[in-house]
Each structure stands twice: as C-alpha cells, then as structure tokens.
Amino acid sequence: MKYLPRNVLWLLLVFLLPAGTVWAQTRTVSGTVTDATDNSPMIGVTVQVVGTTDGTITDLDGRYQIQLPRGQTLRFSFTGYATQEVTILDQTLLDIVMDVSSTALSE
C-alpha cells in the first residue's frame, strides 16, 4: 500500500475540514406567532430550540427571531395553547398559528 505525500494530505485537510463547518452553520429564523381564533399577534410565546437552553419570546407584535443549526427543532408554547414543534431545514421565515389546547378547554 502506497502512502500519499505530505503536501497532498495537508491540501485534503484544508479543503475537507471547512466542509463540515459549512454543513453545521447556524441560520436565523424569524416569523410571527398569531392566535388561530382571531389572527391577532401573540405576545410572550416561548420559542425554544429543543434539547438546548436557547430560546426567546415573541414581542408586542408577535414577532420572534432566533439562531439555530439546520436540522434542529423549534418548540412554540404558551399557556392554554397546544404546543407546536417544527424541524428547521432551509426555512428562514416561519409563521406559526397557535390553537387553543383542547385540554385547557375541558378544565
């Protein structure tokens, strides 16, 4: 078995290492969270990257902005509403419509 020259190995490392970094780059996802009953913006909805402590809440206009790696899942939750989870692939804009939880209605 023949070995590659040292300079070829260095070239391979220089070009292949950044490829993994590009794949795992973070992206900024933003959008608006609204109520399904009247389409009004929802203030204070928790937007969290599942499995991490990274998160944010929606502002006075129901808007949010968060950074996360491709393939991660965002969880949207608010008391009295059904929690939603969305896996982020290529999205940079994600609007969410929250429905009232059927559990909250029965209580």
PDB file of N, CA and C in Angstrom:
ATOM      1  N   MET A   1       0.848  -1.178   0.000  1.00  0.00           N
ATOM      2  CA  MET A   1       0.000   0.000   0.000  1.00  0.00           C
ATOM      3  C   MET A   1       0.895   1.243   0.000  1.00  0.00           C
ATOM      4  N   LYS A   2       0.570   2.162  -0.870  1.00  0.00           N
ATOM      5  CA  LYS A   2       1.386   3.362  -1.019  1.00  0.00           C
ATOM      6  C   LYS A   2       0.737   4.530  -0.264  1.00  0.00           C
ATOM      7  N   TYR A   3       1.540   5.347   0.399  1.00  0.00           N
ATOM      8  CA  TYR A   3       1.040   6.487   1.163  1.00  0.00           C
ATOM      9  C   TYR A   3       1.047   7.740   0.303  1.00  0.00           C
ATOM     10  N   LEU A   4       0.129   8.672   0.639  1.00  0.00           N
ATOM     11  CA  LEU A   4       0.071   9.952  -0.069  1.00  0.00           C
ATOM     12  C   LEU A   4       1.181  10.874   0.432  1.00  0.00           C
ATOM     13  N   PRO A   5       1.724  11.697  -0.445  1.00  0.00           N
ATOM     14  CA  PRO A   5       2.729  12.674   0.001  1.00  0.00           C
ATOM     15  C   PRO A   5       2.139  13.631   1.034  1.00  0.00           C
ATOM     16  N   ARG A   6       2.983  14.150   1.892  1.00  0.00           N
ATOM     17  CA  ARG A   6       2.551  15.020   2.986  1.00  0.00           C
ATOM     18  C   ARG A   6       1.791  16.257   2.493  1.00  0.00           C
ATOM     19  N   ASN A   7       2.227  16.882   1.408  1.00  0.00           N
ATOM     20  CA  ASN A   7       1.549  18.089   0.927  1.00  0.00           C
ATOM     21  C   ASN A   7       0.141  17.781   0.418  1.00  0.00           C
ATOM     22  N   VAL A   8      -0.078  16.579  -0.116  1.00  0.00           N
ATOM     23  CA  VAL A   8      -1.425  16.193  -0.553  1.00  0.00           C
ATOM     24  C   VAL A   8      -2.335  16.030   0.663  1.00  0.00           C
ATOM     25  N   LEU A   9      -1.820  15.450   1.724  1.00  0.00           N
ATOM     26  CA  LEU A   9      -2.618  15.300   2.950  1.00  0.00           C
ATOM     27  C   LEU A   9      -3.019  16.658   3.515  1.00  0.00           C
ATOM     28  N   TRP A  10      -2.084  17.604   3.515  1.00  0.00           N
ATOM     29  CA  TRP A  10      -2.403  18.952   4.008  1.00  0.00           C
ATOM     30  C   TRP A  10      -3.484  19.598   3.151  1.00  0.00           C
ATOM     31  N   LEU A  11      -3.398  19.444   1.850  1.00  0.00           N
ATOM     32  CA  LEU A  11      -4.419  20.011   0.963  1.00  0.00           C
ATOM     33  C   LEU A  11      -5.791  19.395   1.225  1.00  0.00           C
ATOM     34  N   LEU A  12      -5.824  18.100   1.432  1.00  0.00           N
ATOM     35  CA  LEU A  12      -7.086  17.442   1.748  1.00  0.00           C
ATOM     36  C   LEU A  12      -7.684  17.990   3.047  1.00  0.00           C
ATOM     37  N   LEU A  13      -6.849  18.135   4.063  1.00  0.00           N
ATOM     38  CA  LEU A  13      -7.325  18.675   5.338  1.00  0.00           C
ATOM     39  C   LEU A  13      -7.845  20.100   5.193  1.00  0.00           C
ATOM     40  N   VAL A  14      -7.129  20.915   4.452  1.00  0.00           N
ATOM     41  CA  VAL A  14      -7.515  22.320   4.286  1.00  0.00           C
ATOM     42  C   VAL A  14      -8.859  22.441   3.580  1.00  0.00           C
ATOM     43  N   PHE A  15      -9.122  21.569   2.620  1.00  0.00           N
ATOM     44  CA  PHE A  15     -10.365  21.674   1.856  1.00  0.00           C
ATOM     45  C   PHE A  15     -11.523  20.875   2.437  1.00  0.00           C
ATOM     46  N   LEU A  16     -11.263  19.822   3.173  1.00  0.00           N
ATOM     47  CA  LEU A  16     -12.340  18.990   3.694  1.00  0.00           C
ATOM     48  C   LEU A  16     -12.832  19.422   5.077  1.00  0.00           C
ATOM     49  N   LEU A  17     -11.974  19.952   5.917  1.00  0.00           N
ATOM     50  CA  LEU A  17     -12.409  20.377   7.250  1.00  0.00           C
ATOM     51  C   LEU A  17     -13.476  21.471   7.207  1.00  0.00           C
ATOM     52  N   PRO A  18     -13.325  22.503   6.384  1.00  0.00           N
ATOM     53  CA  PRO A  18     -14.370  23.528   6.351  1.00  0.00           C
ATOM     54  C   PRO A  18     -15.704  23.013   5.839  1.00  0.00           C
ATOM     55  N   ALA A  19     -15.730  21.926   5.084  1.00  0.00           N
ATOM     56  CA  ALA A  19     -16.985  21.390   4.552  1.00  0.00           C
ATOM     57  C   ALA A  19     -17.928  20.992   5.688  1.00  0.00           C
ATOM     58  N   GLY A  20     -17.406  20.404   6.759  1.00  0.00           N
ATOM     59  CA  GLY A  20     -18.242  20.047   7.901  1.00  0.00           C
ATOM     60  C   GLY A  20     -18.768  21.266   8.625  1.00  0.00           C
ATOM     61  N   THR A  21     -17.983  22.311   8.667  1.00  0.00           N
ATOM     62  CA  THR A  21     -18.401  23.544   9.318  1.00  0.00           C
ATOM     63  C   THR A  21     -19.518  24.219   8.541  1.00  0.00           C
ATOM     64  N   VAL A  22     -19.428  24.203   7.226  1.00  0.00           N
ATOM     65  CA  VAL A  22     -20.470  24.817   6.395  1.00  0.00           C
ATOM     66  C   VAL A  22     -21.789  24.093   6.593  1.00  0.00           C
ATOM     67  N   TRP A  23     -21.753  22.775   6.673  1.00  0.00           N
ATOM     68  CA  TRP A  23     -22.973  21.986   6.832  1.00  0.00           C
ATOM     69  C   TRP A  23     -23.676  22.306   8.155  1.00  0.00           C
ATOM     70  N   ALA A  24     -22.920  22.590   9.205  1.00  0.00           N
ATOM     71  CA  ALA A  24     -23.492  22.806  10.524  1.00  0.00           C
ATOM     72  C   ALA A  24     -23.700  24.282  10.847  1.00  0.00           C
ATOM     73  N   GLN A  25     -23.665  25.139   9.846  1.00  0.00           N
ATOM     74  CA  GLN A  25     -23.815  26.565  10.104  1.00  0.00           C
ATOM     75  C   GLN A  25     -25.178  26.873  10.700  1.00  0.00           C
ATOM     76  N   THR A  26     -25.191  27.886  11.541  1.00  0.00           N
ATOM     77  CA  THR A  26     -26.462  28.316  12.100  1.00  0.00           C
ATOM     78  C   THR A  26     -27.160  29.251  11.120  1.00  0.00           C
ATOM     79  N   ARG A  27     -28.450  29.287  11.251  1.00  0.00           N
ATOM     80  CA  ARG A  27     -29.246  30.190  10.423  1.00  0.00           C
ATOM     81  C   ARG A  27     -30.184  30.965  11.332  1.00  0.00           C
ATOM     82  N   THR A  28     -30.562  32.138  10.888  1.00  0.00           N
ATOM     83  CA  THR A  28     -31.507  32.950  11.636  1.00  0.00           C
ATOM     84  C   THR A  28     -32.904  32.671  11.100  1.00  0.00           C
ATOM     85  N   VAL A  29     -33.788  32.290  12.008  1.00  0.00           N
ATOM     86  CA  VAL A  29     -35.183  32.038  11.664  1.00  0.00           C
ATOM     87  C   VAL A  29     -36.016  33.093  12.368  1.00  0.00           C
ATOM     88  N   SER A  30     -36.954  33.677  11.644  1.00  0.00           N
ATOM     89  CA  SER A  30     -37.832  34.676  12.238  1.00  0.00           C
ATOM     90  C   SER A  30     -39.246  34.471  11.721  1.00  0.00           C
ATOM     91  N   GLY A  31     -40.179  35.104  12.390  1.00  0.00           N
ATOM     92  CA  GLY A  31     -41.569  34.983  11.968  1.00  0.00           C
ATOM     93  C   GLY A  31     -42.503  35.634  12.965  1.00  0.00           C
ATOM     94  N   THR A  32     -43.777  35.350  12.787  1.00  0.00           N
ATOM     95  CA  THR A  32     -44.826  35.897  13.645  1.00  0.00           C
ATOM     96  C   THR A  32     -45.678  34.755  14.173  1.00  0.00           C
ATOM     97  N   VAL A  33     -46.089  34.866  15.433  1.00  0.00           N
ATOM     98  CA  VAL A  33     -46.982  33.880  16.042  1.00  0.00           C
ATOM     99  C   VAL A  33     -48.328  34.559  16.259  1.00  0.00           C
ATOM    100  N   THR A  34     -49.379  33.935  15.721  1.00  0.00           N
ATOM    101  CA  THR A  34     -50.726  34.509  15.830  1.00  0.00           C
ATOM    102  C   THR A  34     -51.688  33.503  16.445  1.00  0.00           C
ATOM    103  N   ASP A  35     -52.796  34.016  16.957  1.00  0.00           N
ATOM    104  CA  ASP A  35     -53.866  33.219  17.553  1.00  0.00           C
ATOM    105  C   ASP A  35     -54.790  32.737  16.433  1.00  0.00           C
ATOM    106  N   ALA A  36     -55.135  31.458  16.434  1.00  0.00           N
ATOM    107  CA  ALA A  36     -55.981  30.882  15.385  1.00  0.00           C
ATOM    108  C   ALA A  36     -57.409  31.424  15.417  1.00  0.00           C
ATOM    109  N   THR A  37     -57.887  31.845  16.593  1.00  0.00           N
ATOM    110  CA  THR A  37     -59.282  32.276  16.686  1.00  0.00           C
ATOM    111  C   THR A  37     -59.534  33.631  16.042  1.00  0.00           C
ATOM    112  N   ASP A  38     -58.614  34.575  16.208  1.00  0.00           N
ATOM    113  CA  ASP A  38     -58.856  35.912  15.657  1.00  0.00           C
ATOM    114  C   ASP A  38     -57.661  36.485  14.882  1.00  0.00           C
ATOM    115  N   ASN A  39     -56.635  35.660  14.658  1.00  0.00           N
ATOM    116  CA  ASN A  39     -55.460  36.056  13.886  1.00  0.00           C
ATOM    117  C   ASN A  39     -54.673  37.213  14.518  1.00  0.00           C
ATOM    118  N   SER A  40     -54.854  37.432  15.816  1.00  0.00           N
ATOM    119  CA  SER A  40     -54.133  38.508  16.493  1.00  0.00           C
ATOM    120  C   SER A  40     -52.733  38.027  16.879  1.00  0.00           C
ATOM    121  N   PRO A  41     -51.754  38.939  16.914  1.00  0.00           N
ATOM    122  CA  PRO A  41     -50.397  38.546  17.307  1.00  0.00           C
ATOM    123  C   PRO A  41     -50.371  38.131  18.779  1.00  0.00           C
ATOM    124  N   MET A  42     -49.577  37.120  19.085  1.00  0.00           N
ATOM    125  CA  MET A  42     -49.480  36.619  20.455  1.00  0.00           C
ATOM    126  C   MET A  42     -48.183  37.101  21.096  1.00  0.00           C
ATOM    127  N   ILE A  43     -48.317  37.789  22.218  1.00  0.00           N
ATOM    128  CA  ILE A  43     -47.190  38.347  22.958  1.00  0.00           C
ATOM    129  C   ILE A  43     -46.707  37.326  23.985  1.00  0.00           C
ATOM    130  N   GLY A  44     -45.401  37.130  24.092  1.00  0.00           N
ATOM    131  CA  GLY A  44     -44.843  36.295  25.152  1.00  0.00           C
ATOM    132  C   GLY A  44     -44.861  34.800  24.891  1.00  0.00           C
ATOM    133  N   VAL A  45     -45.029  34.375  23.651  1.00  0.00           N
ATOM    134  CA  VAL A  45     -44.952  32.946  23.327  1.00  0.00           C
ATOM    135  C   VAL A  45     -43.485  32.508  23.457  1.00  0.00           C
ATOM    136  N   THR A  46     -43.248  31.386  24.122  1.00  0.00           N
ATOM    137  CA  THR A  46     -41.899  30.855  24.264  1.00  0.00           C
ATOM    138  C   THR A  46     -41.503  30.122  22.994  1.00  0.00           C
ATOM    139  N   VAL A  47     -40.333  30.499  22.452  1.00  0.00           N
ATOM    140  CA  VAL A  47     -39.771  29.844  21.267  1.00  0.00           C
ATOM    141  C   VAL A  47     -38.438  29.265  21.716  1.00  0.00           C
ATOM    142  N   GLN A  48     -38.348  27.925  21.748  1.00  0.00           N
ATOM    143  CA  GLN A  48     -37.154  27.273  22.290  1.00  0.00           C
ATOM    144  C   GLN A  48     -36.600  26.255  21.308  1.00  0.00           C
ATOM    145  N   VAL A  49     -35.265  26.184  21.239  1.00  0.00           N
ATOM    146  CA  VAL A  49     -34.592  25.143  20.468  1.00  0.00           C
ATOM    147  C   VAL A  49     -34.623  23.884  21.331  1.00  0.00           C
ATOM    148  N   VAL A  50     -35.301  22.841  20.849  1.00  0.00           N
ATOM    149  CA  VAL A  50     -35.490  21.618  21.621  1.00  0.00           C
ATOM    150  C   VAL A  50     -34.138  20.989  21.961  1.00  0.00           C
ATOM    151  N   GLY A  51     -33.998  20.584  23.228  1.00  0.00           N
ATOM    152  CA  GLY A  51     -32.775  19.930  23.682  1.00  0.00           C
ATOM    153  C   GLY A  51     -31.676  20.889  24.094  1.00  0.00           C
ATOM    154  N   THR A  52     -31.971  22.190  24.079  1.00  0.00           N
ATOM    155  CA  THR A  52     -30.987  23.194  24.490  1.00  0.00           C
ATOM    156  C   THR A  52     -31.655  24.166  25.452  1.00  0.00           C
ATOM    157  N   THR A  53     -30.870  25.127  25.921  1.00  0.00           N
ATOM    158  CA  THR A  53     -31.429  26.205  26.736  1.00  0.00           C
ATOM    159  C   THR A  53     -31.608  27.474  25.909  1.00  0.00           C
ATOM    160  N   ASP A  54     -31.388  27.378  24.598  1.00  0.00           N
ATOM    161  CA  ASP A  54     -31.531  28.534  23.706  1.00  0.00           C
ATOM    162  C   ASP A  54     -33.003  28.800  23.431  1.00  0.00           C
ATOM    163  N   GLY A  55     -33.383  30.052  23.560  1.00  0.00           N
ATOM    164  CA  GLY A  55     -34.767  30.396  23.290  1.00  0.00           C
ATOM    165  C   GLY A  55     -34.991  31.887  23.338  1.00  0.00           C
ATOM    166  N   THR A  56     -36.224  32.268  23.040  1.00  0.00           N
ATOM    167  CA  THR A  56     -36.633  33.663  23.060  1.00  0.00           C
ATOM    168  C   THR A  56     -38.142  33.708  23.277  1.00  0.00           C
ATOM    169  N   ILE A  57     -38.701  34.898  23.348  1.00  0.00           N
ATOM    170  CA  ILE A  57     -40.158  35.050  23.411  1.00  0.00           C
ATOM    171  C   ILE A  57     -40.583  36.047  22.345  1.00  0.00           C
ATOM    172  N   THR A  58     -41.850  35.971  21.973  1.00  0.00           N
ATOM    173  CA  THR A  58     -42.361  36.894  20.960  1.00  0.00           C
ATOM    174  C   THR A  58     -42.559  38.282  21.552  1.00  0.00           C
ATOM    175  N   ASP A  59     -42.412  39.313  20.703  1.00  0.00           N
ATOM    176  CA  ASP A  59     -42.532  40.700  21.146  1.00  0.00           C
ATOM    177  C   ASP A  59     -43.987  41.185  21.095  1.00  0.00           C
ATOM    178  N   LEU A  60     -44.190  42.478  21.218  1.00  0.00           N
ATOM    179  CA  LEU A  60     -45.539  43.048  21.245  1.00  0.00           C
ATOM    180  C   LEU A  60     -46.321  42.829  19.957  1.00  0.00           C
ATOM    181  N   ASP A  61     -45.612  42.576  18.865  1.00  0.00           N
ATOM    182  CA  ASP A  61     -46.269  42.326  17.579  1.00  0.00           C
ATOM    183  C   ASP A  61     -46.296  40.841  17.235  1.00  0.00           C
ATOM    184  N   GLY A  62     -45.951  39.984  18.201  1.00  0.00           N
ATOM    185  CA  GLY A  62     -45.953  38.543  17.974  1.00  0.00           C
ATOM    186  C   GLY A  62     -44.758  38.044  17.186  1.00  0.00           C
ATOM    187  N   ARG A  63     -43.759  38.886  17.004  1.00  0.00           N
ATOM    188  CA  ARG A  63     -42.584  38.508  16.208  1.00  0.00           C
ATOM    189  C   ARG A  63     -41.493  37.904  17.084  1.00  0.00           C
ATOM    190  N   TYR A  64     -40.694  37.042  16.458  1.00  0.00           N
ATOM    191  CA  TYR A  64     -39.546  36.433  17.130  1.00  0.00           C
ATOM    192  C   TYR A  64     -38.407  36.309  16.120  1.00  0.00           C
ATOM    193  N   GLN A  65     -37.209  36.122  16.640  1.00  0.00           N
ATOM    194  CA  GLN A  65     -36.022  35.870  15.822  1.00  0.00           C
ATOM    195  C   GLN A  65     -35.069  35.033  16.657  1.00  0.00           C
ATOM    196  N   ILE A  66     -34.546  33.954  16.065  1.00  0.00           N
ATOM    197  CA  ILE A  66     -33.670  33.054  16.801  1.00  0.00           C
ATOM    198  C   ILE A  66     -32.682  32.415  15.839  1.00  0.00           C
ATOM    199  N   GLN A  67     -31.498  32.084  16.346  1.00  0.00           N
ATOM    200  CA  GLN A  67     -30.492  31.402  15.539  1.00  0.00           C
ATOM    201  C   GLN A  67     -30.377  29.959  15.994  1.00  0.00           C
ATOM    202  N   LEU A  68     -30.279  29.039  15.024  1.00  0.00           N
ATOM    203  CA  LEU A  68     -30.136  27.631  15.336  1.00  0.00           C
ATOM    204  C   LEU A  68     -29.545  26.894  14.138  1.00  0.00           C
ATOM    205  N   PRO A  69     -28.908  25.748  14.388  1.00  0.00           N
ATOM    206  CA  PRO A  69     -28.352  24.961  13.283  1.00  0.00           C
ATOM    207  C   PRO A  69     -29.451  24.266  12.487  1.00  0.00           C
ATOM    208  N   ARG A  70     -29.156  23.985  11.235  1.00  0.00           N
ATOM    209  CA  ARG A  70     -30.062  23.244  10.365  1.00  0.00           C
ATOM    210  C   ARG A  70     -30.343  21.880  10.996  1.00  0.00           C
ATOM    211  N   GLY A  71     -31.601  21.462  10.937  1.00  0.00           N
ATOM    212  CA  GLY A  71     -31.977  20.160  11.473  1.00  0.00           C
ATOM    213  C   GLY A  71     -32.464  20.193  12.912  1.00  0.00           C
ATOM    214  N   GLN A  72     -32.308  21.323  13.592  1.00  0.00           N
ATOM    215  CA  GLN A  72     -32.803  21.453  14.964  1.00  0.00           C
ATOM    216  C   GLN A  72     -34.313  21.707  14.937  1.00  0.00           C
ATOM    217  N   THR A  73     -34.958  21.494  16.068  1.00  0.00           N
ATOM    218  CA  THR A  73     -36.408  21.661  16.181  1.00  0.00           C
ATOM    219  C   THR A  73     -36.733  22.848  17.076  1.00  0.00           C
ATOM    220  N   LEU A  74     -37.669  23.672  16.609  1.00  0.00           N
ATOM    221  CA  LEU A  74     -38.172  24.786  17.421  1.00  0.00           C
ATOM    222  C   LEU A  74     -39.486  24.369  18.067  1.00  0.00           C
ATOM    223  N   ARG A  75     -39.631  24.709  19.363  1.00  0.00           N
ATOM    224  CA  ARG A  75     -40.865  24.437  20.095  1.00  0.00           C
ATOM    225  C   ARG A  75     -41.520  25.779  20.447  1.00  0.00           C
ATOM    226  N   PHE A  76     -42.799  25.902  20.096  1.00  0.00           N
ATOM    227  CA  PHE A  76     -43.586  27.099  20.394  1.00  0.00           C
ATOM    228  C   PHE A  76     -44.606  26.717  21.458  1.00  0.00           C
ATOM    229  N   SER A  77     -44.575  27.420  22.606  1.00  0.00           N
ATOM    230  CA  SER A  77     -45.502  27.076  23.689  1.00  0.00           C
ATOM    231  C   SER A  77     -46.029  28.333  24.371  1.00  0.00           C
ATOM    232  N   PHE A  78     -47.281  28.210  24.822  1.00  0.00           N
ATOM    233  CA  PHE A  78     -47.950  29.293  25.523  1.00  0.00           C
ATOM    234  C   PHE A  78     -49.059  28.664  26.350  1.00  0.00           C
ATOM    235  N   THR A  79     -49.223  29.117  27.573  1.00  0.00           N
ATOM    236  CA  THR A  79     -50.223  28.549  28.466  1.00  0.00           C
ATOM    237  C   THR A  79     -51.608  28.610  27.836  1.00  0.00           C
ATOM    238  N   GLY A  80     -52.303  27.464  27.846  1.00  0.00           N
ATOM    239  CA  GLY A  80     -53.657  27.379  27.307  1.00  0.00           C
ATOM    240  C   GLY A  80     -53.714  27.073  25.811  1.00  0.00           C
ATOM    241  N   TYR A  81     -52.547  26.959  25.173  1.00  0.00           N
ATOM    242  CA  TYR A  81     -52.487  26.685  23.735  1.00  0.00           C
ATOM    243  C   TYR A  81     -51.703  25.406  23.487  1.00  0.00           C
ATOM    244  N   ALA A  82     -52.019  24.725  22.394  1.00  0.00           N
ATOM    245  CA  ALA A  82     -51.317  23.492  22.021  1.00  0.00           C
ATOM    246  C   ALA A  82     -49.884  23.826  21.614  1.00  0.00           C
ATOM    247  N   THR A  83     -48.932  23.100  22.178  1.00  0.00           N
ATOM    248  CA  THR A  83     -47.521  23.277  21.836  1.00  0.00           C
ATOM    249  C   THR A  83     -47.279  22.762  20.423  1.00  0.00           C
ATOM    250  N   GLN A  84     -46.443  23.490  19.675  1.00  0.00           N
ATOM    251  CA  GLN A  84     -46.100  23.072  18.318  1.00  0.00           C
ATOM    252  C   GLN A  84     -44.591  22.923  18.203  1.00  0.00           C
ATOM    253  N   GLU A  85     -44.156  21.942  17.425  1.00  0.00           N
ATOM    254  CA  GLU A  85     -42.735  21.741  17.162  1.00  0.00           C
ATOM    255  C   GLU A  85     -42.522  21.666  15.655  1.00  0.00           C
ATOM    256  N   VAL A  86     -41.487  22.379  15.177  1.00  0.00           N
ATOM    257  CA  VAL A  86     -41.162  22.416  13.755  1.00  0.00           C
ATOM    258  C   VAL A  86     -39.660  22.205  13.602  1.00  0.00           C
ATOM    259  N   THR A  87     -39.279  21.224  12.771  1.00  0.00           N
ATOM    260  CA  THR A  87     -37.865  20.993  12.473  1.00  0.00           C
ATOM    261  C   THR A  87     -37.434  21.953  11.371  1.00  0.00           C
ATOM    262  N   ILE A  88     -36.333  22.647  11.621  1.00  0.00           N
ATOM    263  CA  ILE A  88     -35.850  23.668  10.693  1.00  0.00           C
ATOM    264  C   ILE A  88     -34.844  23.047   9.724  1.00  0.00           C
ATOM    265  N   LEU A  89     -35.156  23.122   8.442  1.00  0.00           N
ATOM    266  CA  LEU A  89     -34.235  22.652   7.413  1.00  0.00           C
ATOM    267  C   LEU A  89     -33.680  23.853   6.665  1.00  0.00           C
ATOM    268  N   ASP A  90     -34.429  24.369   5.712  1.00  0.00           N
ATOM    269  CA  ASP A  90     -33.950  25.513   4.926  1.00  0.00           C
ATOM    270  C   ASP A  90     -34.755  26.783   5.201  1.00  0.00           C
ATOM    271  N   GLN A  91     -35.704  26.722   6.118  1.00  0.00           N
ATOM    272  CA  GLN A  91     -36.556  27.877   6.394  1.00  0.00           C
ATOM    273  C   GLN A  91     -35.769  29.002   7.058  1.00  0.00           C
ATOM    274  N   THR A  92     -36.089  30.211   6.666  1.00  0.00           N
ATOM    275  CA  THR A  92     -35.592  31.386   7.379  1.00  0.00           C
ATOM    276  C   THR A  92     -36.782  32.220   7.858  1.00  0.00           C
ATOM    277  N   LEU A  93     -37.956  31.974   7.289  1.00  0.00           N
ATOM    278  CA  LEU A  93     -39.190  32.639   7.706  1.00  0.00           C
ATOM    279  C   LEU A  93     -40.189  31.562   8.101  1.00  0.00           C
ATOM    280  N   LEU A  94     -40.701  31.644   9.325  1.00  0.00           N
ATOM    281  CA  LEU A  94     -41.626  30.633   9.828  1.00  0.00           C
ATOM    282  C   LEU A  94     -42.696  31.308  10.671  1.00  0.00           C
ATOM    283  N   ASP A  95     -43.895  31.416  10.123  1.00  0.00           N
ATOM    284  CA  ASP A  95     -45.040  31.961  10.849  1.00  0.00           C
ATOM    285  C   ASP A  95     -45.813  30.803  11.463  1.00  0.00           C
ATOM    286  N   ILE A  96     -46.269  30.993  12.695  1.00  0.00           N
ATOM    287  CA  ILE A  96     -46.965  29.947  13.438  1.00  0.00           C
ATOM    288  C   ILE A  96     -48.338  30.454  13.853  1.00  0.00           C
ATOM    289  N   VAL A  97     -49.349  29.582  13.722  1.00  0.00           N
ATOM    290  CA  VAL A  97     -50.704  29.880  14.188  1.00  0.00           C
ATOM    291  C   VAL A  97     -50.984  28.932  15.348  1.00  0.00           C
ATOM    292  N   MET A  98     -51.248  29.505  16.528  1.00  0.00           N
ATOM    293  CA  MET A  98     -51.455  28.714  17.738  1.00  0.00           C
ATOM    294  C   MET A  98     -52.945  28.462  17.959  1.00  0.00           C
ATOM    295  N   ASP A  99     -53.286  27.181  18.217  1.00  0.00           N
ATOM    296  CA  ASP A  99     -54.661  26.781  18.530  1.00  0.00           C
ATOM    297  C   ASP A  99     -54.818  26.615  20.033  1.00  0.00           C
ATOM    298  N   VAL A 100     -55.991  26.943  20.534  1.00  0.00           N
ATOM    299  CA  VAL A 100     -56.290  26.734  21.941  1.00  0.00           C
ATOM    300  C   VAL A 100     -56.227  25.245  22.233  1.00  0.00           C
ATOM    301  N   SER A 101     -55.626  24.889  23.340  1.00  0.00           N
ATOM    302  CA  SER A 101     -55.486  23.477  23.727  1.00  0.00           C
ATOM    303  C   SER A 101     -56.834  22.899  24.124  1.00  0.00           C
ATOM    304  N   SER A 102     -57.140  21.704  23.625  1.00  0.00           N
ATOM    305  CA  SER A 102     -58.398  21.050  23.995  1.00  0.00           C
ATOM    306  C   SER A 102     -58.392  20.668  25.469  1.00  0.00           C
ATOM    307  N   THR A 103     -57.213  20.431  26.038  1.00  0.00           N
ATOM    308  CA  THR A 103     -57.093  20.116  27.469  1.00  0.00           C
ATOM    309  C   THR A 103     -57.504  21.317  28.296  1.00  0.00           C
ATOM    310  N   ALA A 104     -57.095  22.507  27.875  1.00  0.00           N
ATOM    311  CA  ALA A 104     -57.446  23.724  28.610  1.00  0.00           C
ATOM    312  C   ALA A 104     -58.943  23.985  28.536  1.00  0.00           C
ATOM    313  N   LEU A 105     -59.566  23.637  27.423  1.00  0.00           N
ATOM    314  CA  LEU A 105     -60.998  23.851  27.283  1.00  0.00           C
ATOM    315  C   LEU A 105     -61.811  22.957  28.208  1.00  0.00           C
ATOM    316  N   SER A 106     -61.345  21.729  28.444  1.00  0.00           N
ATOM    317  CA  SER A 106     -62.109  20.811  29.269  1.00  0.00           C
ATOM    318  C   SER A 106     -61.973  21.096  30.762  1.00  0.00           C
ATOM    319  N   GLU A 107     -60.994  21.877  31.140  1.00  0.00           N
ATOM    320  CA  GLU A 107     -60.787  22.131  32.579  1.00  0.00           C
ATOM    321  C   GLU A 107     -61.563  23.275  33.062  1.00  0.00           C
TER     322      GLU A 107
END
